[in-house]
Amino acid sequence: MTIAGLLGRKIGMTTYYYDDGTAESVTAVEVGPCTVTQVKTRARDGYEAVQIGFLPARKLNQAESGHQSRSGGKFSHLQEFVVDDLAEFEVGQELKADIFEAGESIKVIGVSKGRGFAGVVRRWNFSGGPKTHGQSDRHRSPGSIGAGTSPGRVWPGTKMSGHYGVDRKTIRGLRVVAADVEKNVVLVRGPIPGAKNGIVRIEKQKI
């Protein structure tokens, strides 16, 4: 059974120790169980994919509840994944961490932490103004934002202060360090986007 990935919940970071004593920083992700809520076929939907649900929902409207009724559960997160063979999947089927193997290359998609209104130094890594020669209030200023005569305005897209974070981020080239099938936890090398308990999408990456 081959599916492109699963939905997961970021637990947090920890340290993983190998048998030879070396240590590595990893992120623990709870990747299931996910339940198949819909199997999309080329004849009916125009493409082939499997829709899965993750985490129980506290409240659904009538349309959402009716759509998920055949799966036997109510889920707060639904997403589609590509599969190799639709015949291996059916509505109501549970998918767990055993689809991932140690050493496997993956990519993780998540929403970065929200950091509110931020200045250009924090948001765009600007250097700020000079720290000497009478500069008492320009240490974290953006500096010039454009010429006066031409174009006589600020170009759209100029990097300025503003809302920082809550962006969809994709981290490629990550590796599965270990997978605990009983607890449905996957250990991913390094950090991944999002805060603790944030929802992430883990996909197998072809090298």
N, C-alpha and C. Protein backbone atom coordinates (compact mmCIF):
# COMPACT_ATOMS: atom_id res chain seq x y z
N MET A 1 0.85 -1.19 0.00
CA MET A 1 0.00 0.00 0.00
C MET A 1 0.88 1.24 0.00
N THR A 2 0.74 2.07 -1.04
CA THR A 2 1.59 3.26 -1.16
C THR A 2 0.72 4.50 -1.31
N ILE A 3 0.87 5.41 -0.36
CA ILE A 3 0.20 6.71 -0.42
C ILE A 3 1.28 7.77 -0.27
N ALA A 4 1.07 8.94 -0.87
CA ALA A 4 2.11 9.96 -0.93
C ALA A 4 2.47 10.53 0.44
N GLY A 5 1.55 10.46 1.41
CA GLY A 5 1.86 11.01 2.72
C GLY A 5 0.67 10.94 3.66
N LEU A 6 0.77 11.65 4.78
CA LEU A 6 -0.29 11.69 5.77
C LEU A 6 -0.33 13.06 6.43
N LEU A 7 -1.42 13.32 7.15
CA LEU A 7 -1.51 14.51 7.98
C LEU A 7 -1.00 14.17 9.38
N GLY A 8 -0.41 15.16 10.02
CA GLY A 8 0.14 14.92 11.35
C GLY A 8 0.00 16.14 12.24
N ARG A 9 0.33 15.94 13.52
CA ARG A 9 0.29 17.00 14.52
C ARG A 9 1.67 17.12 15.15
N LYS A 10 2.23 18.32 15.08
CA LYS A 10 3.57 18.54 15.63
C LYS A 10 3.53 18.47 17.15
N ILE A 11 4.32 17.56 17.72
CA ILE A 11 4.39 17.41 19.17
C ILE A 11 5.45 18.33 19.77
N GLY A 12 6.62 18.35 19.16
CA GLY A 12 7.71 19.18 19.67
C GLY A 12 9.04 18.57 19.31
N MET A 13 10.12 19.21 19.75
CA MET A 13 11.46 18.74 19.42
C MET A 13 12.08 18.00 20.61
N THR A 14 12.96 17.07 20.29
CA THR A 14 13.68 16.30 21.29
C THR A 14 15.01 15.86 20.71
N THR A 15 15.75 15.07 21.45
CA THR A 15 17.04 14.56 21.01
C THR A 15 16.96 13.05 20.82
N TYR A 16 17.44 12.59 19.69
CA TYR A 16 17.45 11.15 19.38
C TYR A 16 18.88 10.65 19.43
N TYR A 17 19.09 9.56 20.17
CA TYR A 17 20.43 8.98 20.32
C TYR A 17 20.53 7.69 19.52
N TYR A 18 21.54 7.62 18.68
CA TYR A 18 21.79 6.41 17.90
C TYR A 18 22.52 5.38 18.76
N ASP A 19 22.63 4.18 18.23
CA ASP A 19 23.28 3.10 18.97
C ASP A 19 24.76 3.39 19.22
N ASP A 20 25.38 4.15 18.33
CA ASP A 20 26.81 4.44 18.51
C ASP A 20 27.05 5.63 19.44
N GLY A 21 25.97 6.20 20.01
CA GLY A 21 26.11 7.27 20.97
C GLY A 21 25.97 8.66 20.40
N THR A 22 25.93 8.79 19.08
CA THR A 22 25.75 10.11 18.48
C THR A 22 24.32 10.59 18.67
N ALA A 23 24.16 11.90 18.75
CA ALA A 23 22.85 12.50 19.01
C ALA A 23 22.43 13.39 17.85
N GLU A 24 21.12 13.54 17.69
CA GLU A 24 20.59 14.38 16.62
C GLU A 24 19.29 15.02 17.07
N SER A 25 19.09 16.29 16.70
CA SER A 25 17.85 16.99 17.04
C SER A 25 16.75 16.54 16.07
N VAL A 26 15.63 16.15 16.62
CA VAL A 26 14.53 15.67 15.80
C VAL A 26 13.22 16.31 16.27
N THR A 27 12.24 16.30 15.37
CA THR A 27 10.89 16.77 15.69
C THR A 27 9.95 15.58 15.71
N ALA A 28 9.22 15.43 16.80
CA ALA A 28 8.25 14.35 16.93
C ALA A 28 6.91 14.79 16.33
N VAL A 29 6.37 13.97 15.44
CA VAL A 29 5.10 14.28 14.78
C VAL A 29 4.15 13.09 14.93
N GLU A 30 2.97 13.36 15.45
CA GLU A 30 1.93 12.34 15.52
C GLU A 30 1.22 12.29 14.17
N VAL A 31 1.36 11.18 13.47
CA VAL A 31 0.88 11.11 12.08
C VAL A 31 -0.36 10.23 11.92
N GLY A 32 -1.13 10.12 12.93
CA GLY A 32 -2.33 9.33 12.72
C GLY A 32 -2.97 8.93 14.05
N PRO A 33 -3.93 8.05 13.95
CA PRO A 33 -4.36 7.44 12.68
C PRO A 33 -5.20 8.39 11.82
N CYS A 34 -4.99 8.30 10.52
CA CYS A 34 -5.81 9.03 9.56
C CYS A 34 -6.82 8.07 8.93
N THR A 35 -7.98 8.55 8.63
CA THR A 35 -9.05 7.70 8.09
C THR A 35 -9.42 8.15 6.69
N VAL A 36 -9.58 7.19 5.79
CA VAL A 36 -9.98 7.49 4.42
C VAL A 36 -11.45 7.93 4.42
N THR A 37 -11.71 9.14 3.95
CA THR A 37 -13.08 9.66 3.91
C THR A 37 -13.68 9.64 2.51
N GLN A 38 -12.82 9.57 1.47
CA GLN A 38 -13.32 9.55 0.10
C GLN A 38 -12.24 9.01 -0.83
N VAL A 39 -12.65 8.20 -1.79
CA VAL A 39 -11.75 7.70 -2.83
C VAL A 39 -12.18 8.33 -4.15
N LYS A 40 -11.35 9.15 -4.74
CA LYS A 40 -11.69 9.86 -5.95
C LYS A 40 -11.16 9.10 -7.17
N THR A 41 -12.06 8.86 -8.12
CA THR A 41 -11.70 8.10 -9.32
C THR A 41 -11.68 9.01 -10.55
N ARG A 42 -10.95 8.57 -11.55
CA ARG A 42 -10.85 9.36 -12.77
C ARG A 42 -12.20 9.44 -13.49
N ALA A 43 -12.99 8.38 -13.43
CA ALA A 43 -14.28 8.35 -14.12
C ALA A 43 -15.27 9.33 -13.50
N ARG A 44 -15.27 9.44 -12.18
CA ARG A 44 -16.24 10.28 -11.50
C ARG A 44 -15.72 11.69 -11.23
N ASP A 45 -14.44 11.81 -10.87
CA ASP A 45 -13.90 13.10 -10.43
C ASP A 45 -12.87 13.70 -11.39
N GLY A 46 -12.43 12.94 -12.37
CA GLY A 46 -11.46 13.45 -13.33
C GLY A 46 -10.01 13.22 -12.95
N TYR A 47 -9.78 12.70 -11.75
CA TYR A 47 -8.41 12.39 -11.31
C TYR A 47 -8.50 11.36 -10.19
N GLU A 48 -7.36 10.78 -9.87
CA GLU A 48 -7.31 9.75 -8.85
C GLU A 48 -6.60 10.27 -7.60
N ALA A 49 -7.24 10.12 -6.45
CA ALA A 49 -6.65 10.54 -5.18
C ALA A 49 -7.45 9.94 -4.04
N VAL A 50 -6.87 10.00 -2.86
CA VAL A 50 -7.54 9.53 -1.66
C VAL A 50 -7.62 10.70 -0.68
N GLN A 51 -8.84 10.97 -0.20
CA GLN A 51 -9.03 12.02 0.80
C GLN A 51 -9.02 11.39 2.19
N ILE A 52 -8.24 11.97 3.09
CA ILE A 52 -8.15 11.43 4.44
C ILE A 52 -8.55 12.49 5.46
N GLY A 53 -9.02 12.04 6.61
CA GLY A 53 -9.40 12.91 7.71
C GLY A 53 -8.50 12.69 8.91
N PHE A 54 -8.26 13.77 9.66
CA PHE A 54 -7.37 13.68 10.82
C PHE A 54 -7.92 14.53 11.96
N LEU A 55 -7.86 14.03 13.15
CA LEU A 55 -8.31 14.64 14.41
C LEU A 55 -9.84 14.80 14.44
N PRO A 56 -10.45 14.41 15.52
CA PRO A 56 -11.91 14.50 15.63
C PRO A 56 -12.39 15.95 15.67
N ALA A 57 -13.52 16.19 15.03
CA ALA A 57 -14.11 17.54 15.01
C ALA A 57 -15.16 17.65 16.09
N ARG A 58 -15.20 18.82 16.73
CA ARG A 58 -16.20 19.03 17.78
C ARG A 58 -17.57 19.36 17.19
N LYS A 59 -17.54 20.03 16.03
CA LYS A 59 -18.82 20.43 15.44
C LYS A 59 -18.67 20.53 13.93
N LEU A 60 -19.60 19.95 13.19
CA LEU A 60 -19.62 20.02 11.73
C LEU A 60 -21.00 20.48 11.28
N ASN A 61 -21.03 21.17 10.14
CA ASN A 61 -22.35 21.52 9.59
C ASN A 61 -22.93 20.31 8.89
N GLN A 62 -24.13 20.45 8.38
CA GLN A 62 -24.84 19.30 7.82
C GLN A 62 -24.14 18.74 6.59
N ALA A 63 -23.62 19.61 5.74
CA ALA A 63 -22.94 19.16 4.53
C ALA A 63 -21.66 18.39 4.88
N GLU A 64 -20.87 18.93 5.80
CA GLU A 64 -19.63 18.26 6.21
C GLU A 64 -19.91 16.93 6.89
N SER A 65 -20.92 16.91 7.74
CA SER A 65 -21.27 15.68 8.44
C SER A 65 -21.74 14.61 7.46
N GLY A 66 -22.54 15.01 6.47
CA GLY A 66 -23.02 14.06 5.47
C GLY A 66 -21.90 13.51 4.61
N HIS A 67 -20.93 14.36 4.29
CA HIS A 67 -19.81 13.92 3.46
C HIS A 67 -18.96 12.87 4.19
N GLN A 68 -18.82 13.02 5.51
CA GLN A 68 -17.95 12.13 6.26
C GLN A 68 -18.68 10.94 6.89
N SER A 69 -19.97 10.86 6.70
CA SER A 69 -20.76 9.84 7.40
C SER A 69 -20.33 8.42 7.03
N ARG A 70 -19.94 8.20 5.79
CA ARG A 70 -19.58 6.84 5.35
C ARG A 70 -18.28 6.36 5.98
N SER A 71 -17.44 7.29 6.43
CA SER A 71 -16.16 6.90 7.01
C SER A 71 -16.29 6.45 8.46
N GLY A 72 -17.43 6.77 9.09
CA GLY A 72 -17.65 6.36 10.46
C GLY A 72 -17.08 7.30 11.49
N GLY A 73 -16.66 8.49 11.07
CA GLY A 73 -16.10 9.46 12.00
C GLY A 73 -16.36 10.88 11.56
N LYS A 74 -15.99 11.82 12.41
CA LYS A 74 -16.10 13.24 12.09
C LYS A 74 -14.73 13.88 12.33
N PHE A 75 -14.17 14.46 11.28
CA PHE A 75 -12.79 14.93 11.33
C PHE A 75 -12.72 16.43 11.04
N SER A 76 -11.77 17.08 11.70
CA SER A 76 -11.63 18.52 11.56
C SER A 76 -10.71 18.91 10.41
N HIS A 77 -9.90 17.99 9.93
CA HIS A 77 -8.95 18.29 8.85
C HIS A 77 -9.08 17.25 7.75
N LEU A 78 -9.31 17.72 6.53
CA LEU A 78 -9.41 16.85 5.36
C LEU A 78 -8.42 17.31 4.30
N GLN A 79 -7.66 16.36 3.73
CA GLN A 79 -6.76 16.67 2.63
C GLN A 79 -6.64 15.46 1.73
N GLU A 80 -6.22 15.72 0.49
CA GLU A 80 -6.08 14.65 -0.50
C GLU A 80 -4.62 14.31 -0.74
N PHE A 81 -4.39 13.03 -1.04
CA PHE A 81 -3.04 12.54 -1.34
C PHE A 81 -3.09 11.63 -2.56
N VAL A 82 -2.01 11.64 -3.31
CA VAL A 82 -1.88 10.78 -4.48
C VAL A 82 -1.53 9.36 -4.01
N VAL A 83 -2.08 8.37 -4.70
CA VAL A 83 -1.79 6.97 -4.38
C VAL A 83 -1.39 6.23 -5.66
N ASP A 84 -0.71 5.11 -5.48
CA ASP A 84 -0.29 4.32 -6.63
C ASP A 84 -1.41 3.44 -7.17
N ASP A 85 -2.23 2.88 -6.24
CA ASP A 85 -3.28 1.96 -6.65
C ASP A 85 -4.52 2.22 -5.80
N LEU A 86 -5.58 2.71 -6.44
CA LEU A 86 -6.82 3.01 -5.72
C LEU A 86 -7.48 1.76 -5.14
N ALA A 87 -7.21 0.60 -5.77
CA ALA A 87 -7.85 -0.63 -5.32
C ALA A 87 -7.44 -1.02 -3.90
N GLU A 88 -6.34 -0.47 -3.40
CA GLU A 88 -5.86 -0.80 -2.07
C GLU A 88 -6.51 0.03 -0.97
N PHE A 89 -7.37 0.98 -1.36
CA PHE A 89 -7.96 1.89 -0.37
C PHE A 89 -9.48 1.83 -0.44
N GLU A 90 -10.12 1.98 0.72
CA GLU A 90 -11.57 2.04 0.81
C GLU A 90 -11.96 2.99 1.92
N VAL A 91 -13.17 3.55 1.82
CA VAL A 91 -13.66 4.51 2.81
C VAL A 91 -13.75 3.86 4.18
N GLY A 92 -13.24 4.54 5.18
CA GLY A 92 -13.23 4.01 6.54
C GLY A 92 -11.93 3.34 6.93
N GLN A 93 -11.03 3.16 5.98
CA GLN A 93 -9.76 2.50 6.26
C GLN A 93 -8.83 3.41 7.05
N GLU A 94 -8.12 2.85 8.02
CA GLU A 94 -7.19 3.63 8.83
C GLU A 94 -5.77 3.53 8.29
N LEU A 95 -5.08 4.67 8.28
CA LEU A 95 -3.70 4.73 7.83
C LEU A 95 -2.84 5.22 9.00
N LYS A 96 -1.73 4.52 9.22
CA LYS A 96 -0.91 4.82 10.39
C LYS A 96 0.54 5.11 9.98
N ALA A 97 1.39 5.22 11.00
CA ALA A 97 2.78 5.62 10.79
C ALA A 97 3.61 4.57 10.07
N ASP A 98 3.08 3.37 9.89
CA ASP A 98 3.88 2.31 9.26
C ASP A 98 4.12 2.55 7.77
N ILE A 99 3.52 3.59 7.18
CA ILE A 99 3.81 3.88 5.78
C ILE A 99 5.16 4.58 5.62
N PHE A 100 5.74 5.05 6.74
CA PHE A 100 7.04 5.71 6.70
C PHE A 100 8.12 4.77 7.23
N GLU A 101 9.30 4.86 6.65
CA GLU A 101 10.43 4.04 7.06
C GLU A 101 11.60 4.93 7.45
N ALA A 102 12.42 4.44 8.37
CA ALA A 102 13.61 5.17 8.79
C ALA A 102 14.55 5.37 7.60
N GLY A 103 15.07 6.59 7.46
CA GLY A 103 15.96 6.91 6.36
C GLY A 103 15.26 7.44 5.13
N GLU A 104 13.93 7.44 5.15
CA GLU A 104 13.16 7.89 3.99
C GLU A 104 13.19 9.42 3.87
N SER A 105 13.29 9.92 2.65
CA SER A 105 13.32 11.35 2.40
C SER A 105 11.89 11.88 2.30
N ILE A 106 11.61 12.99 2.99
CA ILE A 106 10.26 13.56 3.02
C ILE A 106 10.33 15.07 2.91
N LYS A 107 9.17 15.66 2.67
CA LYS A 107 9.01 17.11 2.79
C LYS A 107 7.83 17.37 3.70
N VAL A 108 7.91 18.47 4.45
CA VAL A 108 6.88 18.80 5.43
C VAL A 108 6.31 20.17 5.10
N ILE A 109 4.98 20.26 5.05
CA ILE A 109 4.29 21.50 4.76
C ILE A 109 3.48 21.90 5.98
N GLY A 110 3.67 23.12 6.44
CA GLY A 110 2.95 23.60 7.61
C GLY A 110 2.80 25.11 7.58
N VAL A 111 2.16 25.64 8.59
CA VAL A 111 1.96 27.08 8.73
C VAL A 111 2.89 27.60 9.82
N SER A 112 3.72 28.57 9.48
CA SER A 112 4.71 29.08 10.41
C SER A 112 4.05 29.80 11.59
N LYS A 113 4.80 29.95 12.66
CA LYS A 113 4.29 30.62 13.85
C LYS A 113 3.91 32.07 13.54
N GLY A 114 2.82 32.54 14.11
CA GLY A 114 2.43 33.93 13.98
C GLY A 114 3.17 34.79 14.99
N ARG A 115 3.81 35.87 14.53
CA ARG A 115 4.60 36.71 15.41
C ARG A 115 4.10 38.16 15.44
N GLY A 116 2.88 38.36 14.95
CA GLY A 116 2.29 39.68 15.06
C GLY A 116 2.95 40.72 14.19
N PHE A 117 2.84 41.99 14.59
CA PHE A 117 3.44 43.09 13.85
C PHE A 117 4.92 43.16 14.19
N ALA A 118 5.77 43.13 13.16
CA ALA A 118 7.21 43.11 13.37
C ALA A 118 7.88 44.16 12.50
N GLY A 119 9.01 44.68 12.98
CA GLY A 119 9.78 45.64 12.22
C GLY A 119 10.64 44.96 11.17
N VAL A 120 11.35 45.78 10.39
CA VAL A 120 12.11 45.23 9.26
C VAL A 120 13.32 44.43 9.71
N VAL A 121 13.86 44.73 10.88
CA VAL A 121 15.02 43.98 11.35
C VAL A 121 14.63 42.54 11.65
N ARG A 122 13.52 42.37 12.31
CA ARG A 122 13.07 41.02 12.63
C ARG A 122 12.40 40.34 11.44
N ARG A 123 11.61 41.09 10.70
CA ARG A 123 10.82 40.50 9.63
C ARG A 123 11.65 40.17 8.39
N TRP A 124 12.58 41.06 8.03
CA TRP A 124 13.36 40.89 6.81
C TRP A 124 14.86 40.81 7.04
N ASN A 125 15.28 40.77 8.29
CA ASN A 125 16.70 40.65 8.63
C ASN A 125 17.51 41.84 8.15
N PHE A 126 16.92 43.06 8.19
CA PHE A 126 17.66 44.27 7.84
C PHE A 126 18.76 44.53 8.89
N SER A 127 19.79 45.26 8.48
CA SER A 127 20.89 45.56 9.39
C SER A 127 20.59 46.73 10.32
N GLY A 128 19.66 47.59 9.94
CA GLY A 128 19.38 48.77 10.74
C GLY A 128 20.33 49.90 10.39
N GLY A 129 20.18 51.03 11.08
CA GLY A 129 21.01 52.20 10.81
C GLY A 129 22.32 52.17 11.58
N PRO A 130 23.16 53.15 11.39
CA PRO A 130 24.43 53.22 12.11
C PRO A 130 24.21 53.41 13.60
N LYS A 131 25.13 52.87 14.38
CA LYS A 131 24.99 52.92 15.84
C LYS A 131 25.77 54.07 16.47
N THR A 132 26.41 54.89 15.63
CA THR A 132 27.24 55.98 16.16
C THR A 132 26.94 57.27 15.40
N HIS A 133 27.76 58.30 15.62
CA HIS A 133 27.68 59.58 14.92
C HIS A 133 26.32 60.25 15.08
N GLY A 134 25.82 60.24 16.30
CA GLY A 134 24.61 60.99 16.59
C GLY A 134 23.31 60.31 16.21
N GLN A 135 23.38 59.05 15.75
CA GLN A 135 22.14 58.33 15.39
C GLN A 135 21.54 57.75 16.66
N SER A 136 20.57 58.45 17.20
CA SER A 136 20.00 58.02 18.48
C SER A 136 18.68 57.29 18.32
N ASP A 137 18.02 57.44 17.16
CA ASP A 137 16.68 56.85 17.02
C ASP A 137 16.50 56.13 15.69
N ARG A 138 17.61 55.74 15.03
CA ARG A 138 17.50 55.09 13.72
C ARG A 138 18.12 53.69 13.72
N HIS A 139 18.29 53.12 14.90
CA HIS A 139 19.01 51.85 14.99
C HIS A 139 18.30 50.71 14.26
N ARG A 140 16.98 50.72 14.29
CA ARG A 140 16.22 49.63 13.66
C ARG A 140 15.31 50.17 12.55
N SER A 141 15.74 51.25 11.92
CA SER A 141 14.96 51.87 10.86
C SER A 141 15.25 51.19 9.51
N PRO A 142 14.29 51.20 8.58
CA PRO A 142 14.52 50.58 7.27
C PRO A 142 15.40 51.43 6.36
N GLY A 143 15.55 52.71 6.64
CA GLY A 143 16.32 53.56 5.73
C GLY A 143 15.46 54.07 4.59
N SER A 144 16.08 54.38 3.45
CA SER A 144 15.34 54.93 2.32
C SER A 144 14.38 53.91 1.73
N ILE A 145 13.19 54.37 1.36
CA ILE A 145 12.21 53.48 0.73
C ILE A 145 11.93 53.88 -0.72
N GLY A 146 12.78 54.77 -1.30
CA GLY A 146 12.61 55.12 -2.70
C GLY A 146 13.01 56.56 -2.97
N ALA A 147 13.20 56.88 -4.25
CA ALA A 147 13.57 58.22 -4.67
C ALA A 147 12.36 59.14 -4.68
N GLY A 148 12.63 60.47 -4.61
CA GLY A 148 11.53 61.43 -4.55
C GLY A 148 10.98 61.78 -5.92
N THR A 149 11.86 62.22 -6.85
CA THR A 149 11.39 62.68 -8.16
C THR A 149 10.94 61.53 -9.05
N SER A 150 11.76 60.52 -9.16
CA SER A 150 11.42 59.36 -9.99
C SER A 150 11.72 58.08 -9.24
N PRO A 151 10.72 57.29 -8.99
CA PRO A 151 9.36 57.35 -9.52
C PRO A 151 8.41 58.24 -8.71
N GLY A 152 8.87 58.82 -7.62
CA GLY A 152 7.98 59.69 -6.85
C GLY A 152 6.95 58.95 -6.03
N ARG A 153 7.18 57.69 -5.82
CA ARG A 153 6.26 56.88 -5.02
C ARG A 153 7.04 55.66 -4.52
N VAL A 154 6.40 54.90 -3.67
CA VAL A 154 7.02 53.69 -3.15
C VAL A 154 6.60 52.51 -4.01
N TRP A 155 7.58 51.73 -4.47
CA TRP A 155 7.28 50.59 -5.32
C TRP A 155 6.47 49.54 -4.56
N PRO A 156 5.45 48.97 -5.19
CA PRO A 156 4.71 47.87 -4.54
C PRO A 156 5.64 46.71 -4.23
N GLY A 157 5.45 46.12 -3.07
CA GLY A 157 6.28 44.99 -2.68
C GLY A 157 7.53 45.36 -1.91
N THR A 158 7.73 46.66 -1.66
CA THR A 158 8.90 47.08 -0.89
C THR A 158 8.84 46.48 0.52
N LYS A 159 9.95 45.95 0.96
CA LYS A 159 10.00 45.30 2.26
C LYS A 159 9.89 46.35 3.37
N MET A 160 8.84 46.20 4.18
CA MET A 160 8.59 47.13 5.27
C MET A 160 8.12 46.36 6.50
N SER A 161 7.84 47.10 7.56
CA SER A 161 7.26 46.50 8.75
C SER A 161 5.87 45.97 8.43
N GLY A 162 5.42 45.00 9.18
CA GLY A 162 4.08 44.47 8.96
C GLY A 162 3.88 43.13 9.64
N HIS A 163 2.83 42.45 9.25
CA HIS A 163 2.47 41.17 9.85
C HIS A 163 3.51 40.11 9.49
N TYR A 164 4.00 39.42 10.52
CA TYR A 164 5.08 38.46 10.34
C TYR A 164 4.61 37.08 10.79
N GLY A 165 4.80 36.09 9.92
CA GLY A 165 4.42 34.72 10.26
C GLY A 165 3.08 34.33 9.65
N VAL A 166 2.58 33.15 10.08
CA VAL A 166 1.33 32.56 9.58
C VAL A 166 1.40 32.43 8.06
N ASP A 167 2.51 31.91 7.57
CA ASP A 167 2.69 31.67 6.14
C ASP A 167 2.83 30.17 5.90
N ARG A 168 2.33 29.72 4.77
CA ARG A 168 2.50 28.31 4.39
C ARG A 168 3.95 28.08 3.99
N LYS A 169 4.61 27.19 4.68
CA LYS A 169 6.02 26.91 4.44
C LYS A 169 6.22 25.44 4.08
N THR A 170 7.12 25.19 3.13
CA THR A 170 7.47 23.84 2.74
C THR A 170 8.97 23.62 2.96
N ILE A 171 9.31 22.61 3.75
CA ILE A 171 10.70 22.26 4.01
C ILE A 171 10.98 20.93 3.30
N ARG A 172 11.87 20.98 2.32
CA ARG A 172 12.20 19.77 1.55
C ARG A 172 13.52 19.17 2.04
N GLY A 173 13.75 17.93 1.65
CA GLY A 173 15.01 17.27 1.95
C GLY A 173 15.14 16.82 3.39
N LEU A 174 14.04 16.67 4.12
CA LEU A 174 14.10 16.15 5.49
C LEU A 174 14.17 14.63 5.45
N ARG A 175 14.50 14.05 6.59
CA ARG A 175 14.67 12.60 6.64
C ARG A 175 13.97 12.03 7.86
N VAL A 176 13.34 10.87 7.69
CA VAL A 176 12.71 10.17 8.80
C VAL A 176 13.81 9.44 9.58
N VAL A 177 13.96 9.81 10.85
CA VAL A 177 14.98 9.17 11.69
C VAL A 177 14.46 7.86 12.27
N ALA A 178 13.20 7.87 12.72
CA ALA A 178 12.59 6.66 13.28
C ALA A 178 11.08 6.79 13.20
N ALA A 179 10.39 5.65 13.22
CA ALA A 179 8.93 5.63 13.19
C ALA A 179 8.43 4.64 14.23
N ASP A 180 7.61 5.12 15.17
CA ASP A 180 7.01 4.28 16.20
C ASP A 180 5.58 3.95 15.78
N VAL A 181 5.38 2.74 15.29
CA VAL A 181 4.07 2.35 14.75
C VAL A 181 3.02 2.27 15.85
N GLU A 182 3.40 1.80 17.04
CA GLU A 182 2.44 1.63 18.14
C GLU A 182 1.89 2.97 18.60
N LYS A 183 2.76 3.99 18.69
CA LYS A 183 2.33 5.31 19.14
C LYS A 183 1.98 6.24 17.99
N ASN A 184 2.17 5.78 16.75
CA ASN A 184 1.91 6.59 15.56
C ASN A 184 2.71 7.90 15.58
N VAL A 185 3.96 7.79 15.93
CA VAL A 185 4.85 8.95 16.01
C VAL A 185 6.02 8.75 15.06
N VAL A 186 6.31 9.80 14.30
CA VAL A 186 7.46 9.80 13.40
C VAL A 186 8.44 10.86 13.87
N LEU A 187 9.70 10.50 13.93
CA LEU A 187 10.75 11.44 14.29
C LEU A 187 11.41 11.95 13.02
N VAL A 188 11.37 13.27 12.83
CA VAL A 188 11.89 13.90 11.62
C VAL A 188 13.15 14.67 11.97
N ARG A 189 14.17 14.51 11.16
CA ARG A 189 15.44 15.20 11.43
C ARG A 189 15.27 16.72 11.29
N GLY A 190 15.69 17.45 12.34
CA GLY A 190 15.66 18.90 12.30
C GLY A 190 14.30 19.49 12.62
N PRO A 191 14.18 20.82 12.51
CA PRO A 191 12.92 21.51 12.81
C PRO A 191 11.97 21.50 11.62
N ILE A 192 10.68 21.67 11.90
CA ILE A 192 9.67 21.78 10.86
C ILE A 192 8.80 23.00 11.17
N PRO A 193 8.06 23.52 10.18
CA PRO A 193 7.27 24.74 10.41
C PRO A 193 6.15 24.53 11.42
N GLY A 194 5.79 25.63 12.10
CA GLY A 194 4.62 25.63 12.95
C GLY A 194 4.92 25.54 14.43
N ALA A 195 3.89 25.82 15.21
CA ALA A 195 3.98 25.74 16.66
C ALA A 195 3.60 24.34 17.13
N LYS A 196 3.77 24.08 18.41
CA LYS A 196 3.35 22.81 18.97
C LYS A 196 1.86 22.61 18.76
N ASN A 197 1.49 21.39 18.45
CA ASN A 197 0.10 20.99 18.16
C ASN A 197 -0.39 21.52 16.82
N GLY A 198 0.50 22.12 16.04
CA GLY A 198 0.12 22.58 14.71
C GLY A 198 -0.03 21.42 13.73
N ILE A 199 -0.91 21.58 12.76
CA ILE A 199 -1.15 20.54 11.77
C ILE A 199 -0.14 20.66 10.63
N VAL A 200 0.48 19.55 10.27
CA VAL A 200 1.46 19.53 9.19
C VAL A 200 1.10 18.42 8.20
N ARG A 201 1.58 18.60 6.98
CA ARG A 201 1.37 17.62 5.92
C ARG A 201 2.73 17.01 5.58
N ILE A 202 2.88 15.71 5.77
CA ILE A 202 4.14 15.04 5.49
C ILE A 202 3.98 14.24 4.20
N GLU A 203 4.86 14.51 3.24
CA GLU A 203 4.81 13.82 1.95
C GLU A 203 6.13 13.13 1.67
N LYS A 204 6.06 11.97 1.08
CA LYS A 204 7.27 11.28 0.65
C LYS A 204 7.87 12.03 -0.53
N GLN A 205 9.18 12.15 -0.52
CA GLN A 205 9.86 12.94 -1.54
C GLN A 205 10.74 12.02 -2.37
N LYS A 206 10.55 12.10 -3.68
CA LYS A 206 11.37 11.29 -4.58
C LYS A 206 12.70 11.98 -4.80
N ILE A 207 13.75 11.23 -4.63
CA ILE A 207 15.11 11.80 -4.78
C ILE A 207 15.52 11.80 -6.26
